[in-house]
Amino acid sequence: MEEIVTASWLNDRLQEEADQFVLIDARYDLADSEAGKRVYEKGHLPGAVFLNLGKELAAPAKEHGGRHPMPEREQLEKVFGGAGISADKKVVIYDDQGGMMASRVWWMLKHLGHRDAAILDGGFTAWKEAGYEVTTDISEPAARPFQAEQNSEDWPIVDVDYVKAALENEDVLLIDSREPKRYRGEEEPIDPVAGHIPGALNYFWKEVLADDGTWKKEDELKAHFAGLPSEKEIVVYCGSGISACPNVLALKKAGFRNVKLYAGSWSDWISYQDNPVAKGES
């Protein structure tokens, strides 16, 4: 299964082999943690299970670690297993935010060693506009054993100390996935400090999408990231480790192999008062 699948592809497969799939509804609003659940209850893909990105798939926020800390492995095993996911199931995740939320759930599964997960291109809107079935029935899947396998070689996490050391390492590039005005420090609607990590390059995550909101093809992504040297290690961050994930996926599809996620991201970085902050274009 490809990392990104279309609504028509998924609909065809569900007609033939629905029991082989687990669908995850990952719609979420950073400003309203219950908004995703409300829209799920109003309509979702048949059989889809709702997972709350800010609660079930994030640890409680503390002084450090960012706004959406990665939960412990045992917690993720419980949540994903409770959603009916096991190693033999194909998982398709969707949202209605251009794939930002779905990418975070997809990345979590990949990091934990699940080999067959994908994102629905265009999300819930693409599915609904194609005329495929939408239901309000709440799915109650049978829990399955989800055994995490640390997949750190292909989908690694780095922490604040790693990033601090990277500032002095010419072989490591930092990519900031937030919109340019937040990167430049012109405004910061969420976190208490504006700006970016010194030396980071700004690649706004939405630029991996085409004008119609679907994902760009591999050749377009290669052109988008053409200025980046492929031999260097790339560490991607955003505000809290969510919108960085579309860039991680896009970089992988563009052929970059050594890509890491700074899961705590900007909200973790600024929780340490001595960490340097840059503004403007550099």
Protein backbone atom coordinates (compact mmCIF):
# COMPACT_ATOMS: atom_id res chain seq x y z
CA MET A 1 0.00 0.00 0.00
CA GLU A 2 1.29 3.44 -0.93
CA GLU A 3 1.70 6.11 1.77
CA ILE A 4 -1.06 8.21 0.18
CA VAL A 5 -4.21 6.64 -1.29
CA THR A 6 -7.17 8.13 -3.13
CA ALA A 7 -10.82 7.96 -2.15
CA SER A 8 -11.64 5.82 -5.20
CA TRP A 9 -8.84 3.37 -4.36
CA LEU A 10 -10.04 3.04 -0.78
CA ASN A 11 -13.69 2.68 -1.73
CA ASP A 12 -12.87 -0.13 -4.15
CA ARG A 13 -10.82 -1.99 -1.54
CA LEU A 14 -13.48 -1.62 1.14
CA GLN A 15 -16.03 -3.21 -1.16
CA GLU A 16 -13.80 -6.29 -1.53
CA GLU A 17 -11.80 -6.60 1.68
CA ALA A 18 -13.16 -4.30 4.37
CA ASP A 19 -12.13 -6.71 7.12
CA GLN A 20 -8.48 -6.14 6.23
CA PHE A 21 -8.65 -2.40 6.92
CA VAL A 22 -8.83 -0.15 9.95
CA LEU A 23 -9.92 3.41 9.26
CA ILE A 24 -8.87 6.16 11.66
CA ASP A 25 -10.66 9.51 11.81
CA ALA A 26 -8.00 11.98 12.98
CA ARG A 27 -9.86 15.25 12.54
CA TYR A 28 -8.69 17.68 15.19
CA ASP A 29 -8.67 21.40 15.94
CA LEU A 30 -5.63 22.77 17.77
CA ALA A 31 -7.86 25.45 19.31
CA ASP A 32 -10.69 23.10 20.32
CA SER A 33 -9.75 19.57 21.38
CA GLU A 34 -13.36 18.33 21.16
CA ALA A 35 -14.11 19.67 17.66
CA GLY A 36 -12.90 16.51 15.94
CA LYS A 37 -15.21 14.30 17.94
CA ARG A 38 -18.18 16.51 17.14
CA VAL A 39 -17.64 16.41 13.38
CA TYR A 40 -17.00 12.66 13.58
CA GLU A 41 -20.40 12.18 15.21
CA LYS A 42 -22.03 14.21 12.43
CA GLY A 43 -20.59 11.95 9.76
CA HIS A 44 -17.59 9.77 9.01
CA LEU A 45 -16.38 6.93 6.81
CA PRO A 46 -18.14 3.61 7.53
CA GLY A 47 -16.35 1.71 10.25
CA ALA A 48 -13.93 4.55 11.03
CA VAL A 49 -12.68 4.87 14.61
CA PHE A 50 -12.13 8.34 16.04
CA LEU A 51 -8.85 9.01 17.88
CA ASN A 52 -8.30 12.32 19.66
CA LEU A 53 -4.88 13.64 18.69
CA GLY A 54 -4.67 15.91 21.71
CA LYS A 55 -5.78 13.40 24.34
CA GLU A 56 -5.44 9.73 23.43
CA LEU A 57 -2.43 10.32 21.19
CA ALA A 58 -0.57 12.87 23.32
CA ALA A 59 0.85 12.70 26.81
CA PRO A 60 -0.11 15.41 29.33
CA ALA A 61 1.86 18.60 28.70
CA LYS A 62 4.51 19.44 31.29
CA GLU A 63 7.16 22.12 31.71
CA HIS A 64 9.19 20.58 28.90
CA GLY A 65 8.34 18.30 26.00
CA GLY A 66 6.08 20.59 23.98
CA ARG A 67 2.33 20.99 23.67
CA HIS A 68 1.71 17.50 22.30
CA PRO A 69 4.29 15.21 23.90
CA MET A 70 4.71 11.70 22.56
CA PRO A 71 2.98 9.19 24.87
CA GLU A 72 4.82 6.22 26.29
CA ARG A 73 4.95 3.14 24.07
CA GLU A 74 2.52 1.25 26.33
CA GLN A 75 -0.09 3.99 25.99
CA LEU A 76 0.12 3.96 22.21
CA GLU A 77 -0.08 0.16 22.14
CA LYS A 78 -3.28 0.38 24.18
CA VAL A 79 -4.84 3.11 22.03
CA PHE A 80 -3.95 1.60 18.66
CA GLY A 81 -4.85 -1.91 19.79
CA GLY A 82 -8.15 -0.60 21.12
CA ALA A 83 -8.88 0.86 17.70
CA GLY A 84 -8.53 -2.61 16.20
CA ILE A 85 -5.04 -2.18 14.76
CA SER A 86 -2.65 -5.11 14.62
CA ALA A 87 0.33 -5.96 12.43
CA ASP A 88 -1.82 -7.71 9.80
CA LYS A 89 -4.25 -4.81 9.32
CA LYS A 90 -3.97 -2.08 6.69
CA VAL A 91 -4.56 1.33 8.28
CA VAL A 92 -5.87 4.38 6.45
CA ILE A 93 -6.00 7.66 8.35
CA TYR A 94 -7.88 10.78 7.31
CA ASP A 95 -8.59 14.27 8.55
CA ASP A 96 -10.02 17.41 6.99
CA GLN A 97 -6.98 19.63 7.49
CA GLY A 98 -4.94 18.82 4.40
CA GLY A 99 -3.41 15.73 5.94
CA MET A 100 -1.66 17.51 8.80
CA MET A 101 -3.35 15.55 11.59
CA ALA A 102 -3.47 12.31 9.65
CA SER A 103 0.26 12.58 8.99
CA ARG A 104 1.00 12.74 12.69
CA VAL A 105 -0.98 9.54 13.36
CA TRP A 106 0.62 7.91 10.30
CA TRP A 107 4.07 8.87 11.56
CA MET A 108 3.34 7.44 15.02
CA LEU A 109 2.38 4.12 13.48
CA LYS A 110 5.50 4.08 11.32
CA HIS A 111 7.70 4.97 14.27
CA LEU A 112 6.22 2.08 16.23
CA GLY A 113 6.95 -0.34 13.42
CA HIS A 114 3.59 -0.68 11.65
CA ARG A 115 4.37 -1.40 8.01
CA ASP A 116 1.06 -0.83 6.21
CA ALA A 117 -0.38 2.61 6.97
CA ALA A 118 -1.54 5.31 4.57
CA ILE A 119 -3.16 8.74 4.46
CA LEU A 120 -6.39 9.40 2.54
CA ASP A 121 -5.60 12.04 -0.09
CA GLY A 122 -7.99 14.96 0.25
CA GLY A 123 -9.35 13.60 3.52
CA PHE A 124 -12.99 13.45 4.50
CA THR A 125 -13.98 16.15 2.01
CA ALA A 126 -12.60 14.19 -0.96
CA TRP A 127 -14.45 11.08 0.19
CA LYS A 128 -17.74 12.93 0.65
CA GLU A 129 -17.47 14.88 -2.60
CA ALA A 130 -16.89 11.63 -4.48
CA GLY A 131 -20.32 10.51 -3.30
CA TYR A 132 -19.12 7.61 -1.19
CA GLU A 133 -20.97 6.41 1.88
CA VAL A 134 -20.94 8.50 5.06
CA THR A 135 -22.43 7.28 8.30
CA THR A 136 -23.17 8.45 11.83
CA ASP A 137 -22.96 4.93 13.24
CA ILE A 138 -20.31 4.75 15.96
CA SER A 139 -17.86 1.93 15.38
CA GLU A 140 -16.96 -0.29 18.32
CA PRO A 141 -14.03 -2.37 17.09
CA ALA A 142 -12.79 -5.45 18.88
CA ALA A 143 -9.49 -4.73 20.57
CA ARG A 144 -6.51 -6.43 18.96
CA PRO A 145 -2.93 -6.94 20.13
CA PHE A 146 -0.78 -4.08 18.91
CA GLN A 147 2.87 -4.79 19.58
CA ALA A 148 5.10 -1.79 19.04
CA GLU A 149 8.46 -2.33 17.41
CA GLN A 150 10.81 0.61 17.79
CA ASN A 151 11.42 1.61 14.18
CA SER A 152 13.97 4.26 15.09
CA GLU A 153 16.28 3.63 12.15
CA ASP A 154 13.72 4.75 9.57
CA TRP A 155 11.44 7.03 11.63
CA PRO A 156 13.53 8.45 14.50
CA ILE A 157 12.71 11.06 17.13
CA VAL A 158 15.25 13.59 18.40
CA ASP A 159 15.12 15.70 21.56
CA VAL A 160 16.19 19.19 22.53
CA ASP A 161 19.75 18.18 23.37
CA TYR A 162 20.16 16.60 19.96
CA VAL A 163 18.92 19.77 18.27
CA LYS A 164 21.21 21.99 20.35
CA ALA A 165 24.18 19.89 19.28
CA ALA A 166 22.98 20.07 15.67
CA LEU A 167 23.37 23.86 15.69
CA GLU A 168 27.13 23.30 15.59
CA ASN A 169 27.00 20.46 13.07
CA GLU A 170 27.27 21.41 9.40
CA ASP A 171 26.00 17.99 8.37
CA VAL A 172 22.57 18.59 9.94
CA LEU A 173 19.86 20.83 8.49
CA LEU A 174 16.87 22.08 10.48
CA ILE A 175 13.53 22.62 8.74
CA ASP A 176 10.78 24.70 10.33
CA SER A 177 7.36 23.63 9.01
CA ARG A 178 5.30 26.54 10.30
CA GLU A 179 3.87 29.31 8.15
CA PRO A 180 6.40 32.01 7.24
CA LYS A 181 5.08 34.78 9.49
CA ARG A 182 5.43 32.52 12.53
CA TYR A 183 8.87 31.41 11.41
CA ARG A 184 9.97 35.03 11.02
CA GLY A 185 8.58 35.89 14.45
CA GLU A 186 6.12 38.45 13.11
CA GLU A 187 3.29 36.83 15.06
CA GLU A 188 2.83 33.84 17.35
CA PRO A 189 -0.81 32.94 18.04
CA ILE A 190 -0.11 29.80 20.07
CA ASP A 191 3.25 29.77 21.84
CA PRO A 192 4.56 32.43 24.28
CA VAL A 193 7.73 33.20 22.28
CA ALA A 194 7.93 34.09 18.58
CA GLY A 195 10.72 33.23 16.18
CA HIS A 196 12.58 30.09 15.12
CA ILE A 197 15.57 27.94 15.97
CA PRO A 198 18.71 29.66 14.64
CA GLY A 199 19.80 28.35 11.26
CA ALA A 200 16.52 26.61 10.48
CA LEU A 201 15.14 26.85 6.95
CA ASN A 202 11.44 27.53 6.45
CA TYR A 203 9.44 25.04 4.38
CA PHE A 204 5.77 25.65 5.20
CA TRP A 205 4.08 22.25 5.36
CA LYS A 206 1.13 23.27 3.17
CA GLU A 207 3.52 23.71 0.26
CA VAL A 208 3.63 19.92 -0.13
CA LEU A 209 0.01 20.13 -1.30
CA ALA A 210 -1.26 21.05 -4.75
CA ASP A 211 -3.74 23.89 -5.32
CA ASP A 212 -6.67 21.49 -4.95
CA GLY A 213 -5.49 20.34 -1.52
CA THR A 214 -4.24 16.93 -2.61
CA TRP A 215 -0.65 15.83 -2.13
CA LYS A 216 1.90 16.77 -4.76
CA LYS A 217 3.39 13.95 -6.82
CA GLU A 218 6.92 12.70 -6.20
CA ASP A 219 8.48 14.72 -9.02
CA GLU A 220 6.81 17.88 -7.72
CA LEU A 221 8.08 17.17 -4.22
CA LYS A 222 11.59 16.62 -5.55
CA ALA A 223 11.37 20.02 -7.24
CA HIS A 224 10.01 21.60 -4.04
CA PHE A 225 12.97 20.35 -1.98
CA ALA A 226 15.54 20.67 -4.76
CA GLY A 227 17.63 23.18 -2.82
CA LEU A 228 18.34 20.74 -0.01
CA PRO A 229 21.49 18.59 -0.17
CA SER A 230 20.42 14.96 -0.09
CA GLU A 231 23.53 13.79 1.72
CA LYS A 232 22.79 15.78 4.87
CA GLU A 233 20.69 14.77 7.85
CA ILE A 234 17.43 16.70 8.12
CA VAL A 235 15.64 17.43 11.39
CA VAL A 236 12.07 18.67 10.96
CA TYR A 237 10.06 20.60 13.53
CA CYS A 238 6.97 22.80 13.80
CA GLY A 239 5.04 24.16 16.77
CA SER A 240 4.38 20.91 18.62
CA GLY A 241 5.41 18.08 16.30
CA ILE A 242 2.20 17.79 14.27
CA SER A 243 2.57 19.88 11.11
CA ALA A 244 6.18 18.73 10.83
CA CYS A 245 4.93 15.25 9.93
CA PRO A 246 3.61 16.13 6.44
CA ASN A 247 7.08 17.47 5.67
CA VAL A 248 8.71 14.30 7.01
CA LEU A 249 6.53 12.22 4.69
CA ALA A 250 7.06 14.56 1.75
CA LEU A 251 10.84 14.53 2.21
CA LYS A 252 10.81 10.74 2.28
CA LYS A 253 8.76 10.64 -0.92
CA ALA A 254 11.18 13.11 -2.50
CA GLY A 255 14.02 10.68 -1.90
CA PHE A 256 15.57 11.98 1.33
CA ARG A 257 16.51 9.10 3.58
CA ASN A 258 18.02 10.63 6.72
CA VAL A 259 15.01 12.54 8.10
CA LYS A 260 14.25 12.91 11.80
CA LEU A 261 11.38 14.48 13.75
CA TYR A 262 11.96 16.86 16.64
CA ALA A 263 8.76 15.79 18.35
CA GLY A 264 8.72 18.51 21.03
CA SER A 265 9.39 21.15 18.37
CA TRP A 266 9.22 24.91 18.96
CA SER A 267 7.01 24.66 22.04
CA ASP A 268 9.65 22.44 23.67
CA TRP A 269 12.60 24.53 22.46
CA ILE A 270 11.33 27.75 24.03
CA SER A 271 10.57 26.03 27.35
CA TYR A 272 14.33 26.26 28.02
CA GLN A 273 15.12 29.91 28.69
CA ASP A 274 18.75 29.64 27.59
CA ASN A 275 17.95 28.29 24.13
CA PRO A 276 18.67 30.86 21.41
CA VAL A 277 15.85 32.32 19.31
CA ALA A 278 16.16 33.89 15.86
CA LYS A 279 13.78 36.17 13.97
CA GLY A 280 13.53 37.28 10.39
CA GLU A 281 14.63 35.25 7.39
CA SER A 282 17.76 33.70 8.87
